[in-house]
N, C-alpha and C. Protein backbone atom coordinates (compact mmCIF):
# COMPACT_ATOMS: atom_id res chain seq x y z
N MET A 1 -15.24 -7.91 -5.91
CA MET A 1 -14.41 -8.05 -7.10
C MET A 1 -12.94 -8.18 -6.68
N ALA A 2 -12.28 -9.15 -7.18
CA ALA A 2 -10.87 -9.35 -6.86
C ALA A 2 -9.97 -8.48 -7.74
N SER A 3 -8.78 -8.25 -7.25
CA SER A 3 -7.81 -7.47 -8.02
C SER A 3 -7.08 -8.36 -9.02
N SER A 4 -6.65 -7.75 -10.11
CA SER A 4 -5.97 -8.53 -11.15
C SER A 4 -4.47 -8.59 -10.90
N LYS A 5 -3.86 -9.67 -11.35
CA LYS A 5 -2.40 -9.82 -11.27
C LYS A 5 -1.73 -8.76 -12.14
N GLU A 6 -2.39 -8.36 -13.23
CA GLU A 6 -1.83 -7.33 -14.11
C GLU A 6 -1.70 -5.99 -13.39
N TYR A 7 -2.71 -5.63 -12.58
CA TYR A 7 -2.64 -4.37 -11.83
C TYR A 7 -1.55 -4.47 -10.77
N LEU A 8 -1.45 -5.60 -10.09
CA LEU A 8 -0.37 -5.82 -9.12
C LEU A 8 0.98 -5.63 -9.80
N ASP A 9 1.18 -6.25 -10.95
CA ASP A 9 2.45 -6.14 -11.68
C ASP A 9 2.73 -4.69 -12.07
N PHE A 10 1.70 -3.95 -12.46
CA PHE A 10 1.84 -2.53 -12.81
C PHE A 10 2.34 -1.73 -11.60
N ILE A 11 1.72 -1.93 -10.44
CA ILE A 11 2.12 -1.20 -9.23
C ILE A 11 3.53 -1.62 -8.81
N LEU A 12 3.83 -2.91 -8.85
CA LEU A 12 5.17 -3.38 -8.48
C LEU A 12 6.24 -2.78 -9.39
N GLU A 13 5.93 -2.63 -10.67
CA GLU A 13 6.89 -2.01 -11.60
C GLU A 13 7.12 -0.55 -11.21
N LYS A 14 6.06 0.16 -10.82
CA LYS A 14 6.19 1.56 -10.43
C LYS A 14 6.98 1.70 -9.12
N LEU A 15 6.99 0.66 -8.30
CA LEU A 15 7.73 0.68 -7.03
C LEU A 15 9.10 0.02 -7.14
N SER A 16 9.52 -0.30 -8.36
CA SER A 16 10.74 -1.09 -8.56
C SER A 16 12.03 -0.36 -8.15
N ASP A 17 12.00 0.95 -7.98
CA ASP A 17 13.19 1.66 -7.51
C ASP A 17 13.44 1.45 -6.02
N LEU A 18 12.44 0.95 -5.31
CA LEU A 18 12.57 0.70 -3.87
C LEU A 18 13.04 -0.73 -3.64
N GLU A 19 13.88 -0.90 -2.64
CA GLU A 19 14.32 -2.25 -2.28
C GLU A 19 13.33 -2.85 -1.29
N GLU A 20 13.23 -4.16 -1.32
CA GLU A 20 12.42 -4.91 -0.37
C GLU A 20 10.93 -4.62 -0.46
N ILE A 21 10.41 -4.49 -1.68
CA ILE A 21 8.96 -4.44 -1.88
C ILE A 21 8.50 -5.88 -2.08
N THR A 22 7.57 -6.31 -1.24
CA THR A 22 7.02 -7.65 -1.36
C THR A 22 5.50 -7.55 -1.28
N TYR A 23 4.85 -8.65 -1.56
CA TYR A 23 3.40 -8.68 -1.46
C TYR A 23 2.95 -10.06 -1.04
N ARG A 24 1.71 -10.10 -0.56
CA ARG A 24 1.10 -11.38 -0.22
C ARG A 24 -0.34 -11.36 -0.72
N ALA A 25 -0.73 -12.39 -1.42
CA ALA A 25 -2.11 -12.51 -1.88
C ALA A 25 -2.99 -12.87 -0.69
N MET A 26 -4.14 -12.21 -0.60
CA MET A 26 -5.05 -12.49 0.49
C MET A 26 -6.49 -12.30 0.02
N MET A 27 -7.21 -13.39 -0.10
CA MET A 27 -8.63 -13.37 -0.48
C MET A 27 -8.89 -12.58 -1.76
N GLY A 28 -8.08 -12.77 -2.77
CA GLY A 28 -8.27 -12.12 -4.06
C GLY A 28 -7.70 -10.71 -4.14
N GLU A 29 -7.09 -10.26 -3.06
CA GLU A 29 -6.47 -8.93 -3.04
C GLU A 29 -4.99 -9.11 -2.71
N PHE A 30 -4.24 -8.00 -2.62
CA PHE A 30 -2.80 -8.09 -2.38
C PHE A 30 -2.37 -7.10 -1.31
N ILE A 31 -1.67 -7.59 -0.30
CA ILE A 31 -1.10 -6.74 0.75
C ILE A 31 0.31 -6.37 0.28
N ILE A 32 0.65 -5.07 0.35
CA ILE A 32 1.96 -4.59 -0.09
C ILE A 32 2.83 -4.26 1.13
N TYR A 33 4.05 -4.80 1.12
CA TYR A 33 5.01 -4.59 2.20
C TYR A 33 6.21 -3.81 1.68
N TYR A 34 6.73 -2.91 2.52
CA TYR A 34 7.96 -2.19 2.22
C TYR A 34 8.91 -2.41 3.38
N ARG A 35 10.01 -3.08 3.09
CA ARG A 35 11.01 -3.42 4.11
C ARG A 35 10.36 -4.07 5.32
N GLY A 36 9.44 -4.98 5.05
CA GLY A 36 8.81 -5.78 6.09
C GLY A 36 7.59 -5.18 6.75
N LYS A 37 7.29 -3.91 6.46
CA LYS A 37 6.13 -3.26 7.06
C LYS A 37 4.99 -3.15 6.04
N ILE A 38 3.77 -3.32 6.51
CA ILE A 38 2.61 -3.19 5.63
C ILE A 38 2.38 -1.71 5.34
N VAL A 39 2.39 -1.33 4.05
CA VAL A 39 2.11 0.05 3.66
C VAL A 39 0.68 0.21 3.19
N GLY A 40 0.11 -0.86 2.70
CA GLY A 40 -1.25 -0.81 2.18
C GLY A 40 -1.52 -2.04 1.36
N GLY A 41 -2.29 -1.84 0.30
CA GLY A 41 -2.60 -2.99 -0.53
C GLY A 41 -3.34 -2.60 -1.79
N ILE A 42 -3.63 -3.61 -2.57
CA ILE A 42 -4.39 -3.45 -3.80
C ILE A 42 -5.73 -4.13 -3.56
N TYR A 43 -6.77 -3.33 -3.64
CA TYR A 43 -8.14 -3.79 -3.38
C TYR A 43 -9.01 -3.34 -4.55
N ASP A 44 -9.66 -4.28 -5.21
CA ASP A 44 -10.50 -3.96 -6.38
C ASP A 44 -9.74 -3.10 -7.38
N ASP A 45 -8.50 -3.46 -7.64
CA ASP A 45 -7.63 -2.74 -8.58
C ASP A 45 -7.49 -1.26 -8.21
N ARG A 46 -7.39 -0.99 -6.90
CA ARG A 46 -7.09 0.35 -6.38
C ARG A 46 -5.92 0.19 -5.42
N PHE A 47 -4.96 1.11 -5.49
CA PHE A 47 -3.83 1.10 -4.57
C PHE A 47 -4.19 1.99 -3.39
N LEU A 48 -4.34 1.37 -2.22
CA LEU A 48 -4.71 2.08 -1.00
C LEU A 48 -3.56 1.96 0.00
N VAL A 49 -3.28 3.05 0.73
CA VAL A 49 -2.22 3.02 1.74
C VAL A 49 -2.80 3.40 3.09
N LYS A 50 -2.06 3.03 4.14
CA LYS A 50 -2.47 3.36 5.50
C LYS A 50 -2.50 4.89 5.68
N PRO A 51 -3.48 5.39 6.40
CA PRO A 51 -3.61 6.84 6.57
C PRO A 51 -2.74 7.40 7.71
N VAL A 52 -1.44 7.18 7.62
CA VAL A 52 -0.53 7.76 8.61
C VAL A 52 -0.32 9.24 8.27
N LYS A 53 0.10 10.03 9.25
CA LYS A 53 0.23 11.48 9.05
C LYS A 53 1.08 11.85 7.84
N SER A 54 2.18 11.15 7.65
CA SER A 54 3.06 11.48 6.53
C SER A 54 2.38 11.24 5.19
N ALA A 55 1.55 10.22 5.08
CA ALA A 55 0.82 9.95 3.83
C ALA A 55 -0.24 11.02 3.61
N ILE A 56 -0.91 11.44 4.68
CA ILE A 56 -1.93 12.49 4.58
C ILE A 56 -1.28 13.80 4.14
N ASN A 57 -0.11 14.11 4.70
CA ASN A 57 0.61 15.32 4.32
C ASN A 57 1.12 15.24 2.88
N TYR A 58 1.54 14.06 2.46
CA TYR A 58 2.08 13.86 1.11
C TYR A 58 0.98 13.96 0.05
N MET A 59 -0.23 13.53 0.43
CA MET A 59 -1.38 13.54 -0.50
C MET A 59 -2.56 14.25 0.17
N PRO A 60 -2.49 15.55 0.36
CA PRO A 60 -3.53 16.25 1.11
C PRO A 60 -4.93 16.17 0.50
N ALA A 61 -5.03 15.93 -0.79
CA ALA A 61 -6.34 15.86 -1.44
C ALA A 61 -6.83 14.41 -1.61
N ALA A 62 -6.12 13.46 -1.05
CA ALA A 62 -6.48 12.04 -1.22
C ALA A 62 -7.83 11.73 -0.59
N ARG A 63 -8.57 10.85 -1.24
CA ARG A 63 -9.87 10.40 -0.73
C ARG A 63 -9.66 9.18 0.17
N TYR A 64 -10.50 9.10 1.19
CA TYR A 64 -10.53 7.92 2.05
C TYR A 64 -11.51 6.92 1.43
N GLU A 65 -11.08 5.67 1.34
CA GLU A 65 -11.95 4.63 0.80
C GLU A 65 -11.80 3.36 1.62
N LEU A 66 -12.84 2.56 1.62
CA LEU A 66 -12.81 1.27 2.31
C LEU A 66 -12.21 0.21 1.40
N PRO A 67 -11.21 -0.52 1.90
CA PRO A 67 -10.68 -1.63 1.09
C PRO A 67 -11.77 -2.70 0.89
N TYR A 68 -12.52 -2.97 1.96
CA TYR A 68 -13.66 -3.88 1.94
C TYR A 68 -14.47 -3.62 3.20
N GLU A 69 -15.67 -4.16 3.25
CA GLU A 69 -16.57 -3.90 4.37
C GLU A 69 -15.98 -4.36 5.70
N GLY A 70 -16.21 -3.55 6.73
CA GLY A 70 -15.84 -3.95 8.08
C GLY A 70 -14.44 -3.59 8.52
N VAL A 71 -13.71 -2.80 7.73
CA VAL A 71 -12.35 -2.42 8.10
C VAL A 71 -12.21 -0.90 8.05
N LYS A 72 -11.08 -0.40 8.55
CA LYS A 72 -10.83 1.04 8.57
C LYS A 72 -10.56 1.56 7.16
N GLU A 73 -10.90 2.83 6.98
CA GLU A 73 -10.66 3.47 5.70
C GLU A 73 -9.15 3.66 5.47
N MET A 74 -8.80 3.68 4.20
CA MET A 74 -7.41 3.90 3.79
C MET A 74 -7.41 5.03 2.77
N LEU A 75 -6.21 5.50 2.42
CA LEU A 75 -6.07 6.58 1.44
C LEU A 75 -5.92 6.00 0.04
N LEU A 76 -6.70 6.52 -0.89
CA LEU A 76 -6.60 6.10 -2.29
C LEU A 76 -5.45 6.86 -2.94
N VAL A 77 -4.54 6.13 -3.57
CA VAL A 77 -3.43 6.74 -4.30
C VAL A 77 -3.87 6.90 -5.75
N ASP A 78 -4.07 8.16 -6.15
CA ASP A 78 -4.50 8.44 -7.52
C ASP A 78 -3.33 8.49 -8.50
N GLU A 79 -2.18 8.92 -8.04
CA GLU A 79 -1.04 9.15 -8.94
C GLU A 79 -0.19 7.88 -9.12
N VAL A 80 -0.84 6.80 -9.51
CA VAL A 80 -0.13 5.53 -9.65
C VAL A 80 0.77 5.47 -10.88
N ASP A 81 0.60 6.40 -11.81
CA ASP A 81 1.45 6.42 -13.00
C ASP A 81 2.80 7.09 -12.74
N ASP A 82 2.92 7.79 -11.63
CA ASP A 82 4.11 8.59 -11.32
C ASP A 82 5.04 7.81 -10.39
N LYS A 83 6.05 7.19 -10.98
CA LYS A 83 6.99 6.34 -10.24
C LYS A 83 7.70 7.12 -9.13
N GLU A 84 8.12 8.35 -9.43
CA GLU A 84 8.82 9.18 -8.45
C GLU A 84 7.91 9.54 -7.27
N PHE A 85 6.64 9.82 -7.57
CA PHE A 85 5.67 10.14 -6.54
C PHE A 85 5.48 8.94 -5.59
N LEU A 86 5.30 7.76 -6.16
CA LEU A 86 5.09 6.56 -5.34
C LEU A 86 6.30 6.24 -4.48
N THR A 87 7.49 6.38 -5.05
CA THR A 87 8.71 6.14 -4.29
C THR A 87 8.80 7.11 -3.11
N GLY A 88 8.52 8.39 -3.37
CA GLY A 88 8.55 9.39 -2.31
C GLY A 88 7.51 9.13 -1.24
N LEU A 89 6.32 8.71 -1.66
CA LEU A 89 5.24 8.42 -0.71
C LEU A 89 5.64 7.31 0.26
N LEU A 90 6.11 6.19 -0.27
CA LEU A 90 6.47 5.07 0.61
C LEU A 90 7.66 5.41 1.50
N ASN A 91 8.63 6.14 0.97
CA ASN A 91 9.76 6.56 1.81
C ASN A 91 9.30 7.49 2.92
N ALA A 92 8.37 8.39 2.63
CA ALA A 92 7.84 9.31 3.64
C ALA A 92 7.08 8.55 4.73
N MET A 93 6.38 7.51 4.36
CA MET A 93 5.55 6.75 5.29
C MET A 93 6.33 5.79 6.18
N TYR A 94 7.45 5.30 5.71
CA TYR A 94 8.11 4.15 6.33
C TYR A 94 8.30 4.27 7.84
N ASP A 95 8.87 5.36 8.32
CA ASP A 95 9.17 5.48 9.75
C ASP A 95 7.93 5.48 10.62
N GLU A 96 6.79 5.89 10.08
CA GLU A 96 5.55 5.96 10.85
C GLU A 96 4.79 4.63 10.89
N LEU A 97 5.11 3.74 9.99
CA LEU A 97 4.38 2.47 9.92
C LEU A 97 4.74 1.58 11.11
N PRO A 98 3.75 0.86 11.64
CA PRO A 98 4.04 -0.03 12.77
C PRO A 98 4.97 -1.17 12.36
N ALA A 99 5.79 -1.56 13.31
CA ALA A 99 6.69 -2.71 13.07
C ALA A 99 5.85 -3.96 12.92
N PRO A 100 6.36 -4.93 12.17
CA PRO A 100 5.61 -6.19 12.01
C PRO A 100 5.44 -6.87 13.36
N LYS A 101 4.30 -7.52 13.53
CA LYS A 101 4.02 -8.24 14.76
C LYS A 101 4.84 -9.53 14.77
N LYS A 102 5.38 -9.85 15.95
CA LYS A 102 6.13 -11.09 16.11
C LYS A 102 5.16 -12.27 16.09
N LYS A 103 5.52 -13.30 15.37
CA LYS A 103 4.69 -14.50 15.33
C LYS A 103 4.93 -15.32 16.59
N LYS A 104 3.84 -15.82 17.15
CA LYS A 104 3.95 -16.65 18.35
C LYS A 104 4.42 -18.04 17.98
N LYS A 105 5.29 -18.59 18.84
CA LYS A 105 5.74 -19.97 18.62
C LYS A 105 4.65 -20.91 19.09
N LYS A 106 4.52 -22.00 18.37
CA LYS A 106 3.49 -22.99 18.73
C LYS A 106 3.98 -23.92 19.80
């Protein structure tokens, strides 16, 4: 099941206090970037983030879920209605997220 543009717009509105939130559509789902780093994505209308230590500490009761078959589990963000919570979560995670990979020149 693909994610809806309406759910993407809802999450983007909740993250609107943060600068440099971008996304990329990928196979019916959406990858979410914060200041150039991948924080997670929207999969089957669920907001999932990378399970870095800061995210685990920020959401100690969060469930691990698969975005889709064959990939690593991610943390399900249940408190998507809380703009302040989401802003704090992404700010807490930022320093731990891997830097974007450099694209190879052809």
